[in-house]
Amino acid sequence: MQTQTTRGTIKKEWVISGILLLIPFIVSVITVWPMYYEYDLPGDIVPVEEVGIDGSVYFTYVQTGITTNFYEKLLVEYNYGNVRFTPIDNDYARAELEMGEEPADHTETLDYVVNEVQKLTDEYEWDFLSDRFYDVLEQTQDLYGESFGMMLAIGLYEDQTGTDFSRRGKYKIAGTGTLEPDGTIGSIGAMREKILTAAENNVDIFLVPKDRDRYYWEGMSNQDEALQTVEEEGIKMRVVPVDHLRDAILFLKFGL
């Protein structure tokens, strides 16, 4: 016959056993339960020459991705040091994951680039459309987003005019920003990571959108985030906000 103390001990052991069995189940559910985050971390700078344009400048890209659960998020945090996560909507995440499987089509961006540069180089022989448009289009199909638009246009301006804004390698010039149909420089994402990327690659001049008065996304404008990052990190790199492609060209011609 069991005593009351014995029965209590057995019951307690069952409870402990149940909890111990439940813990792995809870952990596994938490780690694989759908939970979408977009992440950004420093990447690299790429010379415009690499996409078929004879220029001296660089565009900047960051490493981005989407984690689909808590376990993947932990892995990214463990493997990379300077990473920023942003929670995203499930439908948006699925659409982005599907898009990532297809080559990017930058026809529209390249059209803007060609049109705006042509306005600034009317007196020069114009052979880009017939000779290299589709070559550049093909070589940019692995690049996602349109943030290389400004630097592509600056490189094309160098190409068409025989200009070397680097002054024969004296300056390492990079930047980021979309090129809009009217020639203005549009805002982009992951500005902090792009500033850090440029600094790691010893960039001297970094061009960013001058968007303080027209930034409409949540958070800080590109212009303010760039300036804040160089100050917080003690980066000795000259950050130059520009509003329009012509402003960037004028600065590179006369402001260095």
Foldseek 3Di string as FASTA:
>chain_A
DDDPVRVVVVVVVVVVVVVVVVVVVVVVCQFQPFWKKKKWAADAWDALVQLPFQAQATEGDIDMDMDGHNNVVVVVVVVDPDMDIDTDDPVVNVVVVVVLVFFAACLVLLVLLVVVLCVVPVVFDDDCVPPPSVSSRVSCRNPDDQFCSLVNSVRNNCRGPVDHLCVVVVFHEYETFGQDNVFWTHFDPDLLSRLVNCLVVVGAEYEYAPCQPPDDDPDHTSVVSNVVNCVVVVRNHHYHHDTGSVRVVVCSVPVD
